[in-house]
PDB file of N, CA and C in Angstrom:
ATOM      1  N   MET A   1     -35.508  39.921 -12.578  1.00  0.00           N
ATOM      2  CA  MET A   1     -34.173  40.038 -13.125  1.00  0.00           C
ATOM      3  C   MET A   1     -34.301  40.067 -14.641  1.00  0.00           C
ATOM      4  N   GLY A   2     -33.641  41.003 -15.218  1.00  0.00           N
ATOM      5  CA  GLY A   2     -33.682  41.127 -16.669  1.00  0.00           C
ATOM      6  C   GLY A   2     -32.701  40.187 -17.333  1.00  0.00           C
ATOM      7  N   ILE A   3     -32.865  40.028 -18.609  1.00  0.00           N
ATOM      8  CA  ILE A   3     -32.012  39.135 -19.377  1.00  0.00           C
ATOM      9  C   ILE A   3     -30.561  39.599 -19.348  1.00  0.00           C
ATOM     10  N   LYS A   4     -30.368  40.910 -19.352  1.00  0.00           N
ATOM     11  CA  LYS A   4     -29.014  41.469 -19.329  1.00  0.00           C
ATOM     12  C   LYS A   4     -28.325  41.134 -18.004  1.00  0.00           C
ATOM     13  N   ALA A   5     -29.042  41.294 -16.907  1.00  0.00           N
ATOM     14  CA  ALA A   5     -28.491  40.987 -15.584  1.00  0.00           C
ATOM     15  C   ALA A   5     -28.212  39.493 -15.455  1.00  0.00           C
ATOM     16  N   PHE A   6     -29.103  38.680 -16.015  1.00  0.00           N
ATOM     17  CA  PHE A   6     -28.924  37.228 -15.966  1.00  0.00           C
ATOM     18  C   PHE A   6     -27.616  36.832 -16.649  1.00  0.00           C
ATOM     19  N   PHE A   7     -27.394  37.318 -17.864  1.00  0.00           N
ATOM     20  CA  PHE A   7     -26.177  36.969 -18.594  1.00  0.00           C
ATOM     21  C   PHE A   7     -24.928  37.541 -17.929  1.00  0.00           C
ATOM     22  N   LYS A   8     -25.061  38.745 -17.355  1.00  0.00           N
ATOM     23  CA  LYS A   8     -23.915  39.336 -16.666  1.00  0.00           C
ATOM     24  C   LYS A   8     -23.512  38.461 -15.478  1.00  0.00           C
ATOM     25  N   LYS A   9     -24.504  38.002 -14.714  1.00  0.00           N
ATOM     26  CA  LYS A   9     -24.226  37.130 -13.564  1.00  0.00           C
ATOM     27  C   LYS A   9     -23.649  35.797 -14.031  1.00  0.00           C
ATOM     28  N   ALA A  10     -24.224  35.239 -15.095  1.00  0.00           N
ATOM     29  CA  ALA A  10     -23.748  33.956 -15.606  1.00  0.00           C
ATOM     30  C   ALA A  10     -22.296  34.045 -16.060  1.00  0.00           C
ATOM     31  N   PHE A  11     -21.956  35.089 -16.796  1.00  0.00           N
ATOM     32  CA  PHE A  11     -20.576  35.237 -17.271  1.00  0.00           C
ATOM     33  C   PHE A  11     -19.606  35.509 -16.137  1.00  0.00           C
ATOM     34  N   ASN A  12     -20.044  36.245 -15.120  1.00  0.00           N
ATOM     35  CA  ASN A  12     -19.190  36.470 -13.948  1.00  0.00           C
ATOM     36  C   ASN A  12     -18.945  35.160 -13.203  1.00  0.00           C
ATOM     37  N   ASP A  13     -19.993  34.345 -13.097  1.00  0.00           N
ATOM     38  CA  ASP A  13     -19.838  33.044 -12.451  1.00  0.00           C
ATOM     39  C   ASP A  13     -18.856  32.164 -13.222  1.00  0.00           C
ATOM     40  N   MET A  14     -18.972  32.164 -14.543  1.00  0.00           N
ATOM     41  CA  MET A  14     -18.048  31.379 -15.366  1.00  0.00           C
ATOM     42  C   MET A  14     -16.621  31.887 -15.217  1.00  0.00           C
ATOM     43  N   LYS A  15     -16.466  33.185 -15.125  1.00  0.00           N
ATOM     44  CA  LYS A  15     -15.135  33.783 -14.976  1.00  0.00           C
ATOM     45  C   LYS A  15     -14.500  33.338 -13.660  1.00  0.00           C
ATOM     46  N   GLU A  16     -15.277  33.394 -12.577  1.00  0.00           N
ATOM     47  CA  GLU A  16     -14.766  32.978 -11.268  1.00  0.00           C
ATOM     48  C   GLU A  16     -14.445  31.482 -11.257  1.00  0.00           C
ATOM     49  N   SER A  17     -15.305  30.692 -11.874  1.00  0.00           N
ATOM     50  CA  SER A  17     -15.071  29.254 -11.948  1.00  0.00           C
ATOM     51  C   SER A  17     -13.797  28.944 -12.722  1.00  0.00           C
ATOM     52  N   THR A  18     -13.580  29.662 -13.798  1.00  0.00           N
ATOM     53  CA  THR A  18     -12.373  29.469 -14.606  1.00  0.00           C
ATOM     54  C   THR A  18     -11.127  29.823 -13.811  1.00  0.00           C
ATOM     55  N   LYS A  19     -11.178  30.901 -13.061  1.00  0.00           N
ATOM     56  CA  LYS A  19     -10.029  31.290 -12.230  1.00  0.00           C
ATOM     57  C   LYS A  19      -9.725  30.219 -11.190  1.00  0.00           C
ATOM     58  N   ALA A  20     -10.773  29.716 -10.543  1.00  0.00           N
ATOM     59  CA  ALA A  20     -10.584  28.687  -9.515  1.00  0.00           C
ATOM     60  C   ALA A  20     -10.006  27.416 -10.133  1.00  0.00           C
ATOM     61  N   GLN A  21     -10.521  27.003 -11.288  1.00  0.00           N
ATOM     62  CA  GLN A  21     -10.013  25.799 -11.945  1.00  0.00           C
ATOM     63  C   GLN A  21      -8.565  25.991 -12.374  1.00  0.00           C
ATOM     64  N   HIS A  22      -8.203  27.189 -12.789  1.00  0.00           N
ATOM     65  CA  HIS A  22      -6.816  27.468 -13.169  1.00  0.00           C
ATOM     66  C   HIS A  22      -5.892  27.284 -11.970  1.00  0.00           C
ATOM     67  N   GLU A  23      -6.322  27.733 -10.810  1.00  0.00           N
ATOM     68  CA  GLU A  23      -5.521  27.549  -9.592  1.00  0.00           C
ATOM     69  C   GLU A  23      -5.351  26.066  -9.280  1.00  0.00           C
ATOM     70  N   VAL A  24      -6.416  25.294  -9.433  1.00  0.00           N
ATOM     71  CA  VAL A  24      -6.345  23.846  -9.199  1.00  0.00           C
ATOM     72  C   VAL A  24      -5.365  23.214 -10.185  1.00  0.00           C
ATOM     73  N   ASP A  25      -5.471  23.597 -11.449  1.00  0.00           N
ATOM     74  CA  ASP A  25      -4.572  23.059 -12.472  1.00  0.00           C
ATOM     75  C   ASP A  25      -3.115  23.406 -12.187  1.00  0.00           C
ATOM     76  N   LYS A  26      -2.850  24.638 -11.754  1.00  0.00           N
ATOM     77  CA  LYS A  26      -1.480  25.033 -11.416  1.00  0.00           C
ATOM     78  C   LYS A  26      -0.946  24.192 -10.258  1.00  0.00           C
ATOM     79  N   ALA A  27      -1.782  23.975  -9.246  1.00  0.00           N
ATOM     80  CA  ALA A  27      -1.355  23.182  -8.091  1.00  0.00           C
ATOM     81  C   ALA A  27      -1.087  21.732  -8.499  1.00  0.00           C
ATOM     82  N   ASN A  28      -1.952  21.162  -9.317  1.00  0.00           N
ATOM     83  CA  ASN A  28      -1.752  19.787  -9.779  1.00  0.00           C
ATOM     84  C   ASN A  28      -0.491  19.669 -10.627  1.00  0.00           C
ATOM     85  N   PHE A  29      -0.236  20.652 -11.481  1.00  0.00           N
ATOM     86  CA  PHE A  29       0.968  20.633 -12.300  1.00  0.00           C
ATOM     87  C   PHE A  29       2.221  20.716 -11.427  1.00  0.00           C
ATOM     88  N   ALA A  30       2.194  21.587 -10.435  1.00  0.00           N
ATOM     89  CA  ALA A  30       3.349  21.717  -9.530  1.00  0.00           C
ATOM     90  C   ALA A  30       3.591  20.417  -8.771  1.00  0.00           C
ATOM     91  N   ALA A  31       2.514  19.755  -8.343  1.00  0.00           N
ATOM     92  CA  ALA A  31       2.653  18.482  -7.625  1.00  0.00           C
ATOM     93  C   ALA A  31       3.236  17.411  -8.544  1.00  0.00           C
ATOM     94  N   ALA A  32       2.747  17.326  -9.766  1.00  0.00           N
ATOM     95  CA  ALA A  32       3.268  16.339 -10.719  1.00  0.00           C
ATOM     96  C   ALA A  32       4.737  16.603 -11.029  1.00  0.00           C
ATOM     97  N   LYS A  33       5.097  17.874 -11.157  1.00  0.00           N
ATOM     98  CA  LYS A  33       6.485  18.241 -11.425  1.00  0.00           C
ATOM     99  C   LYS A  33       7.388  17.833 -10.257  1.00  0.00           C
ATOM    100  N   ALA A  34       6.931  18.090  -9.030  1.00  0.00           N
ATOM    101  CA  ALA A  34       7.713  17.724  -7.849  1.00  0.00           C
ATOM    102  C   ALA A  34       7.849  16.209  -7.727  1.00  0.00           C
ATOM    103  N   GLU A  35       6.762  15.477  -8.008  1.00  0.00           N
ATOM    104  CA  GLU A  35       6.829  14.018  -7.939  1.00  0.00           C
ATOM    105  C   GLU A  35       7.800  13.472  -8.981  1.00  0.00           C
ATOM    106  N   SER A  36       7.794  14.054 -10.156  1.00  0.00           N
ATOM    107  CA  SER A  36       8.706  13.623 -11.211  1.00  0.00           C
ATOM    108  C   SER A  36      10.154  13.857 -10.797  1.00  0.00           C
ATOM    109  N   LYS A  37      10.413  15.001 -10.194  1.00  0.00           N
ATOM    110  CA  LYS A  37      11.775  15.303  -9.731  1.00  0.00           C
ATOM    111  C   LYS A  37      12.189  14.338  -8.619  1.00  0.00           C
ATOM    112  N   ALA A  38      11.253  14.029  -7.729  1.00  0.00           N
ATOM    113  CA  ALA A  38      11.556  13.085  -6.647  1.00  0.00           C
ATOM    114  C   ALA A  38      11.874  11.703  -7.220  1.00  0.00           C
ATOM    115  N   ASN A  39      11.098  11.273  -8.217  1.00  0.00           N
ATOM    116  CA  ASN A  39      11.376   9.977  -8.851  1.00  0.00           C
ATOM    117  C   ASN A  39      12.754   9.974  -9.500  1.00  0.00           C
ATOM    118  N   TRP A  40      13.106  11.079 -10.148  1.00  0.00           N
ATOM    119  CA  TRP A  40      14.418  11.175 -10.789  1.00  0.00           C
ATOM    120  C   TRP A  40      15.535  11.108  -9.758  1.00  0.00           C
ATOM    121  N   GLU A  41      15.369  11.851  -8.667  1.00  0.00           N
ATOM    122  CA  GLU A  41      16.407  11.847  -7.623  1.00  0.00           C
ATOM    123  C   GLU A  41      16.534  10.467  -6.990  1.00  0.00           C
ATOM    124  N   GLU A  42      15.404   9.777  -6.796  1.00  0.00           N
ATOM    125  CA  GLU A  42      15.457   8.426  -6.232  1.00  0.00           C
ATOM    126  C   GLU A  42      16.149   7.465  -7.189  1.00  0.00           C
ATOM    127  N   ALA A  43      15.940   7.650  -8.478  1.00  0.00           N
ATOM    128  CA  ALA A  43      16.567   6.774  -9.462  1.00  0.00           C
ATOM    129  C   ALA A  43      18.083   6.963  -9.480  1.00  0.00           C
ATOM    130  N   LYS A  44      18.556   8.145  -9.126  1.00  0.00           N
ATOM    131  CA  LYS A  44      19.993   8.428  -9.123  1.00  0.00           C
ATOM    132  C   LYS A  44      20.682   7.971  -7.837  1.00  0.00           C
ATOM    133  N   MET A  45      19.933   7.525  -6.843  1.00  0.00           N
ATOM    134  CA  MET A  45      20.540   7.134  -5.564  1.00  0.00           C
ATOM    135  C   MET A  45      21.440   5.914  -5.746  1.00  0.00           C
ATOM    136  N   SER A  46      22.454   5.837  -4.914  1.00  0.00           N
ATOM    137  CA  SER A  46      23.337   4.681  -4.947  1.00  0.00           C
ATOM    138  C   SER A  46      22.598   3.489  -4.331  1.00  0.00           C
ATOM    139  N   PRO A  47      23.047   2.288  -4.631  1.00  0.00           N
ATOM    140  CA  PRO A  47      22.373   1.105  -4.081  1.00  0.00           C
ATOM    141  C   PRO A  47      22.313   1.084  -2.552  1.00  0.00           C
ATOM    142  N   SER A  48      23.362   1.560  -1.899  1.00  0.00           N
ATOM    143  CA  SER A  48      23.353   1.552  -0.430  1.00  0.00           C
ATOM    144  C   SER A  48      22.330   2.550   0.111  1.00  0.00           C
ATOM    145  N   GLN A  49      22.228   3.708  -0.556  1.00  0.00           N
ATOM    146  CA  GLN A  49      21.214   4.686  -0.135  1.00  0.00           C
ATOM    147  C   GLN A  49      19.810   4.128  -0.360  1.00  0.00           C
ATOM    148  N   ARG A  50      19.614   3.456  -1.486  1.00  0.00           N
ATOM    149  CA  ARG A  50      18.311   2.873  -1.803  1.00  0.00           C
ATOM    150  C   ARG A  50      17.932   1.816  -0.758  1.00  0.00           C
ATOM    151  N   GLN A  51      18.895   0.971  -0.382  1.00  0.00           N
ATOM    152  CA  GLN A  51      18.644  -0.062   0.626  1.00  0.00           C
ATOM    153  C   GLN A  51      18.288   0.559   1.962  1.00  0.00           C
ATOM    154  N   ALA A  52      18.990   1.624   2.334  1.00  0.00           N
ATOM    155  CA  ALA A  52      18.705   2.295   3.603  1.00  0.00           C
ATOM    156  C   ALA A  52      17.300   2.887   3.595  1.00  0.00           C
ATOM    157  N   ARG A  53      16.903   3.494   2.466  1.00  0.00           N
ATOM    158  CA  ARG A  53      15.565   4.077   2.365  1.00  0.00           C
ATOM    159  C   ARG A  53      14.498   2.991   2.438  1.00  0.00           C
ATOM    160  N   LEU A  54      14.727   1.880   1.739  1.00  0.00           N
ATOM    161  CA  LEU A  54      13.768   0.778   1.770  1.00  0.00           C
ATOM    162  C   LEU A  54      13.655   0.191   3.170  1.00  0.00           C
ATOM    163  N   GLN A  55      14.777   0.065   3.873  1.00  0.00           N
ATOM    164  CA  GLN A  55      14.741  -0.468   5.232  1.00  0.00           C
ATOM    165  C   GLN A  55      13.955   0.454   6.152  1.00  0.00           C
ATOM    166  N   LYS A  56      14.142   1.759   5.990  1.00  0.00           N
ATOM    167  CA  LYS A  56      13.403   2.732   6.803  1.00  0.00           C
ATOM    168  C   LYS A  56      11.902   2.621   6.522  1.00  0.00           C
ATOM    169  N   GLU A  57      11.533   2.470   5.246  1.00  0.00           N
ATOM    170  CA  GLU A  57      10.118   2.314   4.899  1.00  0.00           C
ATOM    171  C   GLU A  57       9.536   1.036   5.495  1.00  0.00           C
ATOM    172  N   ARG A  58      10.315  -0.055   5.459  1.00  0.00           N
ATOM    173  CA  ARG A  58       9.847  -1.311   6.050  1.00  0.00           C
ATOM    174  C   ARG A  58       9.641  -1.178   7.546  1.00  0.00           C
ATOM    175  N   GLU A  59      10.569  -0.499   8.220  1.00  0.00           N
ATOM    176  CA  GLU A  59      10.429  -0.307   9.662  1.00  0.00           C
ATOM    177  C   GLU A  59       9.188   0.512   9.984  1.00  0.00           C
ATOM    178  N   THR A  60       8.915   1.517   9.173  1.00  0.00           N
ATOM    179  CA  THR A  60       7.712   2.334   9.356  1.00  0.00           C
ATOM    180  C   THR A  60       6.457   1.492   9.160  1.00  0.00           C
ATOM    181  N   GLN A  61       6.458   0.630   8.142  1.00  0.00           N
ATOM    182  CA  GLN A  61       5.303  -0.222   7.878  1.00  0.00           C
ATOM    183  C   GLN A  61       5.094  -1.226   9.003  1.00  0.00           C
ATOM    184  N   ILE A  62       6.171  -1.765   9.530  1.00  0.00           N
ATOM    185  CA  ILE A  62       6.067  -2.713  10.639  1.00  0.00           C
ATOM    186  C   ILE A  62       5.487  -2.021  11.865  1.00  0.00           C
ATOM    187  N   ALA A  63       5.967  -0.817  12.159  1.00  0.00           N
ATOM    188  CA  ALA A  63       5.459  -0.076  13.311  1.00  0.00           C
ATOM    189  C   ALA A  63       3.969   0.218  13.136  1.00  0.00           C
ATOM    190  N   SER A  64       3.578   0.601  11.945  1.00  0.00           N
ATOM    191  CA  SER A  64       2.165   0.879  11.674  1.00  0.00           C
ATOM    192  C   SER A  64       1.325  -0.389  11.837  1.00  0.00           C
ATOM    193  N   ALA A  65       1.824  -1.505  11.345  1.00  0.00           N
ATOM    194  CA  ALA A  65       1.097  -2.771  11.478  1.00  0.00           C
ATOM    195  C   ALA A  65       0.962  -3.174  12.939  1.00  0.00           C
ATOM    196  N   ASN A  66       2.007  -2.962  13.722  1.00  0.00           N
ATOM    197  CA  ASN A  66       1.946  -3.295  15.145  1.00  0.00           C
ATOM    198  C   ASN A  66       0.923  -2.423  15.875  1.00  0.00           C
ATOM    199  N   GLU A  67       0.846  -1.148  15.505  1.00  0.00           N
ATOM    200  CA  GLU A  67      -0.154  -0.259  16.109  1.00  0.00           C
ATOM    201  C   GLU A  67      -1.561  -0.715  15.761  1.00  0.00           C
ATOM    202  N   ARG A  68      -1.779  -1.090  14.492  1.00  0.00           N
ATOM    203  CA  ARG A  68      -3.098  -1.557  14.079  1.00  0.00           C
ATOM    204  C   ARG A  68      -3.464  -2.854  14.793  1.00  0.00           C
ATOM    205  N   LYS A  69      -2.478  -3.728  14.974  1.00  0.00           N
ATOM    206  CA  LYS A  69      -2.702  -4.995  15.674  1.00  0.00           C
ATOM    207  C   LYS A  69      -3.089  -4.739  17.130  1.00  0.00           C
ATOM    208  N   ALA A  70      -2.383  -3.825  17.785  1.00  0.00           N
ATOM    209  CA  ALA A  70      -2.684  -3.502  19.174  1.00  0.00           C
ATOM    210  C   ALA A  70      -4.087  -2.906  19.298  1.00  0.00           C
ATOM    211  N   ALA A  71      -4.468  -2.035  18.361  1.00  0.00           N
ATOM    212  CA  ALA A  71      -5.807  -1.447  18.388  1.00  0.00           C
ATOM    213  C   ALA A  71      -6.869  -2.517  18.183  1.00  0.00           C
ATOM    214  N   ALA A  72      -6.604  -3.461  17.281  1.00  0.00           N
ATOM    215  CA  ALA A  72      -7.568  -4.534  17.034  1.00  0.00           C
ATOM    216  C   ALA A  72      -7.697  -5.434  18.252  1.00  0.00           C
ATOM    217  N   GLU A  73      -6.594  -5.731  18.910  1.00  0.00           N
ATOM    218  CA  GLU A  73      -6.642  -6.565  20.120  1.00  0.00           C
ATOM    219  C   GLU A  73      -7.410  -5.864  21.228  1.00  0.00           C
ATOM    220  N   ALA A  74      -7.257  -4.553  21.337  1.00  0.00           N
ATOM    221  CA  ALA A  74      -8.014  -3.794  22.340  1.00  0.00           C
ATOM    222  C   ALA A  74      -9.502  -3.854  22.028  1.00  0.00           C
ATOM    223  N   ARG A  75      -9.860  -3.774  20.764  1.00  0.00           N
ATOM    224  CA  ARG A  75     -11.278  -3.867  20.379  1.00  0.00           C
ATOM    225  C   ARG A  75     -11.808  -5.261  20.681  1.00  0.00           C
ATOM    226  N   ILE A  76     -10.997  -6.288  20.455  1.00  0.00           N
ATOM    227  CA  ILE A  76     -11.414  -7.666  20.750  1.00  0.00           C
ATOM    228  C   ILE A  76     -11.668  -7.821  22.235  1.00  0.00           C
ATOM    229  N   ASP A  77     -10.741  -7.325  23.072  1.00  0.00           N
ATOM    230  CA  ASP A  77     -10.896  -7.417  24.525  1.00  0.00           C
ATOM    231  C   ASP A  77     -12.136  -6.664  24.988  1.00  0.00           C
ATOM    232  N   ALA A  78     -12.386  -5.493  24.416  1.00  0.00           N
ATOM    233  CA  ALA A  78     -13.554  -4.711  24.786  1.00  0.00           C
ATOM    234  C   ALA A  78     -14.836  -5.434  24.390  1.00  0.00           C
ATOM    235  N   ALA A  79     -14.833  -6.102  23.260  1.00  0.00           N
ATOM    236  CA  ALA A  79     -16.018  -6.829  22.788  1.00  0.00           C
ATOM    237  C   ALA A  79     -16.275  -8.057  23.654  1.00  0.00           C
ATOM    238  N   LYS A  80     -15.204  -8.710  24.137  1.00  0.00           N
ATOM    239  CA  LYS A  80     -15.356  -9.901  24.971  1.00  0.00           C
ATOM    240  C   LYS A  80     -15.889  -9.567  26.355  1.00  0.00           C
ATOM    241  N   GLN A  81     -15.604  -8.356  26.856  1.00  0.00           N
ATOM    242  CA  GLN A  81     -16.039  -7.971  28.199  1.00  0.00           C
ATOM    243  C   GLN A  81     -17.508  -7.615  28.252  1.00  0.00           C
ATOM    244  N   LYS A  82     -18.125  -7.348  27.132  1.00  0.00           N
ATOM    245  CA  LYS A  82     -19.530  -6.934  27.124  1.00  0.00           C
ATOM    246  C   LYS A  82     -20.447  -8.082  27.316  1.00  0.00           C
TER     247      LYS A  82
END
């Protein structure tokens, strides 16, 4: 491979890498923008709406904890039978 071909390949690789990183940056910026808008909308919620959302989140967390507890108890029972 000649020096000219080497540099041509290197610059093409850098060009492709730059394009890919730009796509990542655009996606990250869009995500940050959406999260910021979501935070703003949540801040504007009325107290009753906020309480309802928090209660729903708590119920979800309780359900998840109960599932994890049941899985752990099943593992305990399986370990005791061996």
